[in-house]
N, C-alpha and C. Protein backbone atom coordinates (compact mmCIF):
# COMPACT_ATOMS: atom_id res chain seq x y z
N MET A 1 12.19 36.89 1.48
CA MET A 1 10.83 37.22 1.11
C MET A 1 9.89 36.35 1.94
N GLY A 2 8.84 36.93 2.48
CA GLY A 2 7.91 36.19 3.32
C GLY A 2 7.07 35.19 2.54
N GLN A 3 6.54 34.22 3.26
CA GLN A 3 5.76 33.16 2.64
C GLN A 3 4.53 33.70 1.91
N HIS A 4 3.85 34.69 2.48
CA HIS A 4 2.66 35.24 1.84
C HIS A 4 3.00 35.95 0.54
N LYS A 5 4.13 36.64 0.50
CA LYS A 5 4.57 37.29 -0.73
C LYS A 5 4.91 36.26 -1.80
N LEU A 6 5.59 35.18 -1.38
CA LEU A 6 5.92 34.12 -2.33
C LEU A 6 4.66 33.47 -2.88
N LEU A 7 3.70 33.22 -2.01
CA LEU A 7 2.44 32.62 -2.47
C LEU A 7 1.76 33.52 -3.50
N ARG A 8 1.69 34.81 -3.23
CA ARG A 8 1.07 35.74 -4.18
C ARG A 8 1.84 35.75 -5.50
N LYS A 9 3.16 35.80 -5.40
CA LYS A 9 4.00 35.87 -6.59
C LYS A 9 3.83 34.64 -7.48
N TYR A 10 3.90 33.45 -6.90
CA TYR A 10 3.84 32.23 -7.69
C TYR A 10 2.41 31.81 -8.04
N ALA A 11 1.45 32.28 -7.29
CA ALA A 11 0.05 31.92 -7.58
C ALA A 11 -0.45 32.59 -8.85
N ILE A 12 0.08 33.75 -9.19
CA ILE A 12 -0.45 34.49 -10.34
C ILE A 12 0.28 34.19 -11.65
N SER A 13 1.39 33.46 -11.62
CA SER A 13 2.11 33.13 -12.84
C SER A 13 1.25 32.24 -13.73
N SER A 14 1.25 32.51 -15.03
CA SER A 14 0.45 31.68 -15.92
C SER A 14 1.04 30.27 -16.06
N VAL A 15 2.37 30.17 -15.98
CA VAL A 15 3.05 28.87 -16.01
C VAL A 15 4.12 28.88 -14.92
N LEU A 16 4.12 27.84 -14.11
CA LEU A 16 5.12 27.69 -13.05
C LEU A 16 5.79 26.33 -13.24
N ALA A 17 7.10 26.30 -13.39
CA ALA A 17 7.85 25.06 -13.54
C ALA A 17 8.63 24.78 -12.25
N LEU A 18 8.40 23.63 -11.67
CA LEU A 18 9.11 23.20 -10.47
C LEU A 18 10.10 22.12 -10.89
N ASP A 19 11.37 22.51 -11.03
CA ASP A 19 12.40 21.59 -11.49
C ASP A 19 12.96 20.81 -10.30
N GLU A 20 13.41 19.59 -10.58
CA GLU A 20 13.96 18.70 -9.56
C GLU A 20 12.96 18.44 -8.43
N TRP A 21 11.69 18.32 -8.80
CA TRP A 21 10.60 18.09 -7.85
C TRP A 21 10.88 16.83 -7.04
N LEU A 22 10.86 16.97 -5.73
CA LEU A 22 11.05 15.91 -4.75
C LEU A 22 12.44 15.29 -4.76
N LEU A 23 13.42 16.04 -5.25
CA LEU A 23 14.80 15.55 -5.22
C LEU A 23 15.24 15.31 -3.77
N ASP A 24 14.90 16.26 -2.89
CA ASP A 24 15.17 16.12 -1.46
C ASP A 24 13.85 15.93 -0.73
N PRO A 25 13.86 15.22 0.40
CA PRO A 25 12.63 15.07 1.17
C PRO A 25 12.12 16.44 1.64
N PRO A 26 10.86 16.76 1.37
CA PRO A 26 10.33 18.07 1.75
C PRO A 26 10.02 18.15 3.24
N SER A 27 10.16 19.35 3.79
CA SER A 27 9.82 19.59 5.19
C SER A 27 8.32 19.83 5.32
N GLY A 28 7.82 19.78 6.53
CA GLY A 28 6.41 20.06 6.77
C GLY A 28 6.02 21.46 6.35
N GLU A 29 6.91 22.43 6.58
CA GLU A 29 6.64 23.81 6.19
C GLU A 29 6.52 23.94 4.67
N PHE A 30 7.41 23.26 3.95
CA PHE A 30 7.36 23.28 2.48
C PHE A 30 6.07 22.63 1.99
N LEU A 31 5.68 21.52 2.61
CA LEU A 31 4.46 20.83 2.19
C LEU A 31 3.23 21.72 2.39
N ARG A 32 3.17 22.41 3.50
CA ARG A 32 2.05 23.33 3.73
C ARG A 32 2.04 24.44 2.70
N PHE A 33 3.23 24.93 2.33
CA PHE A 33 3.36 25.97 1.30
C PHE A 33 2.86 25.45 -0.05
N ILE A 34 3.27 24.24 -0.42
CA ILE A 34 2.87 23.66 -1.71
C ILE A 34 1.37 23.41 -1.75
N VAL A 35 0.80 22.92 -0.66
CA VAL A 35 -0.65 22.70 -0.61
C VAL A 35 -1.38 24.01 -0.88
N GLU A 36 -0.99 25.05 -0.20
CA GLU A 36 -1.64 26.35 -0.38
C GLU A 36 -1.40 26.90 -1.79
N LEU A 37 -0.18 26.75 -2.29
CA LEU A 37 0.13 27.24 -3.63
C LEU A 37 -0.69 26.52 -4.69
N MET A 38 -0.78 25.20 -4.60
CA MET A 38 -1.56 24.43 -5.58
C MET A 38 -3.05 24.78 -5.49
N GLU A 39 -3.52 25.04 -4.29
CA GLU A 39 -4.92 25.45 -4.11
C GLU A 39 -5.17 26.79 -4.81
N ARG A 40 -4.26 27.72 -4.65
CA ARG A 40 -4.42 29.04 -5.27
C ARG A 40 -4.27 28.97 -6.79
N ARG A 41 -3.44 28.06 -7.28
CA ARG A 41 -3.18 27.96 -8.72
C ARG A 41 -4.25 27.16 -9.46
N TYR A 42 -5.07 26.42 -8.74
CA TYR A 42 -6.07 25.58 -9.40
C TYR A 42 -6.96 26.42 -10.31
N ASP A 43 -7.03 26.06 -11.57
CA ASP A 43 -7.80 26.77 -12.60
C ASP A 43 -7.29 28.18 -12.87
N ALA A 44 -6.09 28.52 -12.37
CA ALA A 44 -5.54 29.86 -12.58
C ALA A 44 -4.30 29.84 -13.46
N GLY A 45 -3.64 28.70 -13.56
CA GLY A 45 -2.42 28.61 -14.35
C GLY A 45 -1.94 27.17 -14.42
N SER A 46 -0.92 26.95 -15.22
CA SER A 46 -0.35 25.62 -15.39
C SER A 46 0.88 25.46 -14.51
N THR A 47 1.03 24.27 -13.95
CA THR A 47 2.20 23.97 -13.14
C THR A 47 2.87 22.74 -13.74
N ILE A 48 4.15 22.85 -13.98
CA ILE A 48 4.92 21.75 -14.56
C ILE A 48 5.86 21.22 -13.48
N PHE A 49 5.74 19.93 -13.20
CA PHE A 49 6.60 19.28 -12.22
C PHE A 49 7.63 18.46 -12.98
N CYS A 50 8.88 18.87 -12.92
CA CYS A 50 9.98 18.16 -13.59
C CYS A 50 10.68 17.30 -12.54
N THR A 51 10.68 16.00 -12.76
CA THR A 51 11.23 15.11 -11.75
C THR A 51 11.72 13.82 -12.38
N GLN A 52 12.57 13.14 -11.67
CA GLN A 52 13.03 11.82 -12.12
C GLN A 52 12.22 10.69 -11.48
N TYR A 53 11.25 11.05 -10.65
CA TYR A 53 10.47 10.05 -9.93
C TYR A 53 9.12 9.81 -10.58
N LYS A 54 8.67 8.58 -10.53
CA LYS A 54 7.35 8.22 -11.06
C LYS A 54 6.28 8.86 -10.18
N GLN A 55 5.18 9.22 -10.80
CA GLN A 55 4.07 9.82 -10.06
C GLN A 55 3.59 8.89 -8.95
N SER A 56 3.67 7.60 -9.18
CA SER A 56 3.23 6.63 -8.16
C SER A 56 4.10 6.68 -6.90
N ASP A 57 5.30 7.26 -6.99
CA ASP A 57 6.20 7.35 -5.84
C ASP A 57 6.07 8.68 -5.09
N TRP A 58 5.35 9.63 -5.65
CA TRP A 58 5.30 10.97 -5.07
C TRP A 58 4.72 10.97 -3.66
N HIS A 59 3.64 10.25 -3.45
CA HIS A 59 2.98 10.26 -2.14
C HIS A 59 3.95 9.84 -1.04
N ALA A 60 4.68 8.76 -1.28
CA ALA A 60 5.65 8.29 -0.29
C ALA A 60 6.77 9.32 -0.10
N ARG A 61 7.24 9.91 -1.19
CA ARG A 61 8.32 10.90 -1.09
C ARG A 61 7.85 12.18 -0.39
N LEU A 62 6.54 12.41 -0.40
CA LEU A 62 5.97 13.56 0.30
C LEU A 62 5.71 13.27 1.79
N GLY A 63 6.06 12.09 2.24
CA GLY A 63 5.93 11.75 3.65
C GLY A 63 4.77 10.84 3.98
N ALA A 64 3.92 10.55 3.00
CA ALA A 64 2.82 9.58 3.12
C ALA A 64 1.80 9.91 4.21
N GLY A 65 1.77 11.12 4.72
CA GLY A 65 0.82 11.50 5.75
C GLY A 65 -0.32 12.36 5.20
N ALA A 66 -0.97 13.05 6.10
CA ALA A 66 -2.12 13.88 5.72
C ALA A 66 -1.71 15.02 4.77
N LEU A 67 -0.53 15.62 4.99
CA LEU A 67 -0.08 16.67 4.08
C LEU A 67 0.24 16.10 2.70
N ALA A 68 0.76 14.88 2.65
CA ALA A 68 1.00 14.23 1.36
C ALA A 68 -0.32 13.98 0.64
N ASP A 69 -1.34 13.55 1.39
CA ASP A 69 -2.68 13.35 0.80
C ASP A 69 -3.21 14.65 0.22
N ALA A 70 -3.12 15.71 1.00
CA ALA A 70 -3.64 17.01 0.56
C ALA A 70 -2.86 17.54 -0.64
N THR A 71 -1.55 17.36 -0.62
CA THR A 71 -0.72 17.82 -1.73
C THR A 71 -1.06 17.07 -3.01
N MET A 72 -1.11 15.75 -2.93
CA MET A 72 -1.43 14.95 -4.11
C MET A 72 -2.83 15.25 -4.63
N ASP A 73 -3.77 15.44 -3.74
CA ASP A 73 -5.14 15.77 -4.15
C ASP A 73 -5.15 17.05 -4.99
N ARG A 74 -4.41 18.03 -4.57
CA ARG A 74 -4.39 19.31 -5.29
C ARG A 74 -3.58 19.23 -6.58
N ILE A 75 -2.59 18.35 -6.64
CA ILE A 75 -1.78 18.21 -7.84
C ILE A 75 -2.52 17.41 -8.92
N VAL A 76 -3.15 16.33 -8.55
CA VAL A 76 -3.70 15.42 -9.56
C VAL A 76 -5.04 15.86 -10.15
N ARG A 77 -5.72 16.80 -9.50
CA ARG A 77 -6.98 17.29 -10.08
C ARG A 77 -6.67 18.00 -11.39
N ASN A 78 -7.41 17.64 -12.43
CA ASN A 78 -7.32 18.34 -13.71
C ASN A 78 -5.89 18.32 -14.27
N THR A 79 -5.23 17.15 -14.22
CA THR A 79 -3.83 17.02 -14.58
C THR A 79 -3.64 16.24 -15.88
N ILE A 80 -2.64 16.63 -16.63
CA ILE A 80 -2.19 15.89 -17.80
C ILE A 80 -0.79 15.40 -17.47
N TRP A 81 -0.57 14.09 -17.56
CA TRP A 81 0.73 13.51 -17.25
C TRP A 81 1.48 13.26 -18.55
N VAL A 82 2.73 13.64 -18.60
CA VAL A 82 3.58 13.40 -19.76
C VAL A 82 4.79 12.60 -19.28
N GLU A 83 4.83 11.34 -19.69
CA GLU A 83 5.96 10.48 -19.33
C GLU A 83 6.98 10.54 -20.47
N THR A 84 8.21 10.81 -20.14
CA THR A 84 9.24 10.92 -21.17
C THR A 84 10.08 9.65 -21.30
N GLY A 85 9.76 8.64 -20.54
CA GLY A 85 10.48 7.38 -20.64
C GLY A 85 11.70 7.32 -19.75
N GLY A 86 12.49 6.28 -19.94
CA GLY A 86 13.65 6.06 -19.09
C GLY A 86 14.95 6.54 -19.67
N PHE A 87 14.91 7.17 -20.83
CA PHE A 87 16.15 7.65 -21.46
C PHE A 87 16.77 8.75 -20.63
N ASN A 88 18.05 8.60 -20.33
CA ASN A 88 18.79 9.59 -19.55
C ASN A 88 19.80 10.27 -20.47
N MET A 89 19.51 11.50 -20.86
CA MET A 89 20.37 12.21 -21.80
C MET A 89 21.77 12.44 -21.22
N ARG A 90 21.86 12.71 -19.94
CA ARG A 90 23.18 12.93 -19.32
C ARG A 90 24.06 11.69 -19.45
N GLU A 91 23.47 10.53 -19.16
CA GLU A 91 24.24 9.28 -19.28
C GLU A 91 24.64 9.03 -20.72
N ALA A 92 23.73 9.23 -21.64
CA ALA A 92 24.01 8.96 -23.05
C ALA A 92 25.16 9.82 -23.56
N TYR A 93 25.15 11.09 -23.22
CA TYR A 93 26.20 11.98 -23.72
C TYR A 93 27.51 11.86 -22.94
N SER A 94 27.45 11.50 -21.68
CA SER A 94 28.70 11.36 -20.93
C SER A 94 29.46 10.12 -21.36
N ASN A 95 28.76 9.09 -21.81
CA ASN A 95 29.42 7.85 -22.27
C ASN A 95 29.84 7.92 -23.72
N SER A 96 29.30 8.85 -24.50
CA SER A 96 29.60 8.90 -25.93
C SER A 96 31.00 9.41 -26.21
N GLY A 97 31.58 10.16 -25.29
CA GLY A 97 32.92 10.71 -25.49
C GLY A 97 34.03 9.74 -25.12
N ARG A 98 33.70 8.59 -24.62
CA ARG A 98 34.72 7.64 -24.16
C ARG A 98 35.03 6.62 -25.22
């Protein structure tokens, strides 16, 4: 599916969840896509970023350049942050059976 079709598809969703956000270092093409997607979604829907990284680390994980600045600017506007703490459910349940 082409990038423009993906942008249209994800821009109109009322809720978009991005799981494992920044698990792998993003490419420049992906960063440009995310910047445009967040711009289109602003005031149009909710975006949920599910990640194991602190928000303070996102800029560096996005490459710390101009695209990282633009991406963070579009993400943090009108944002509610929900911190779930350091509890790791996978670790807790994997150790309970031993």
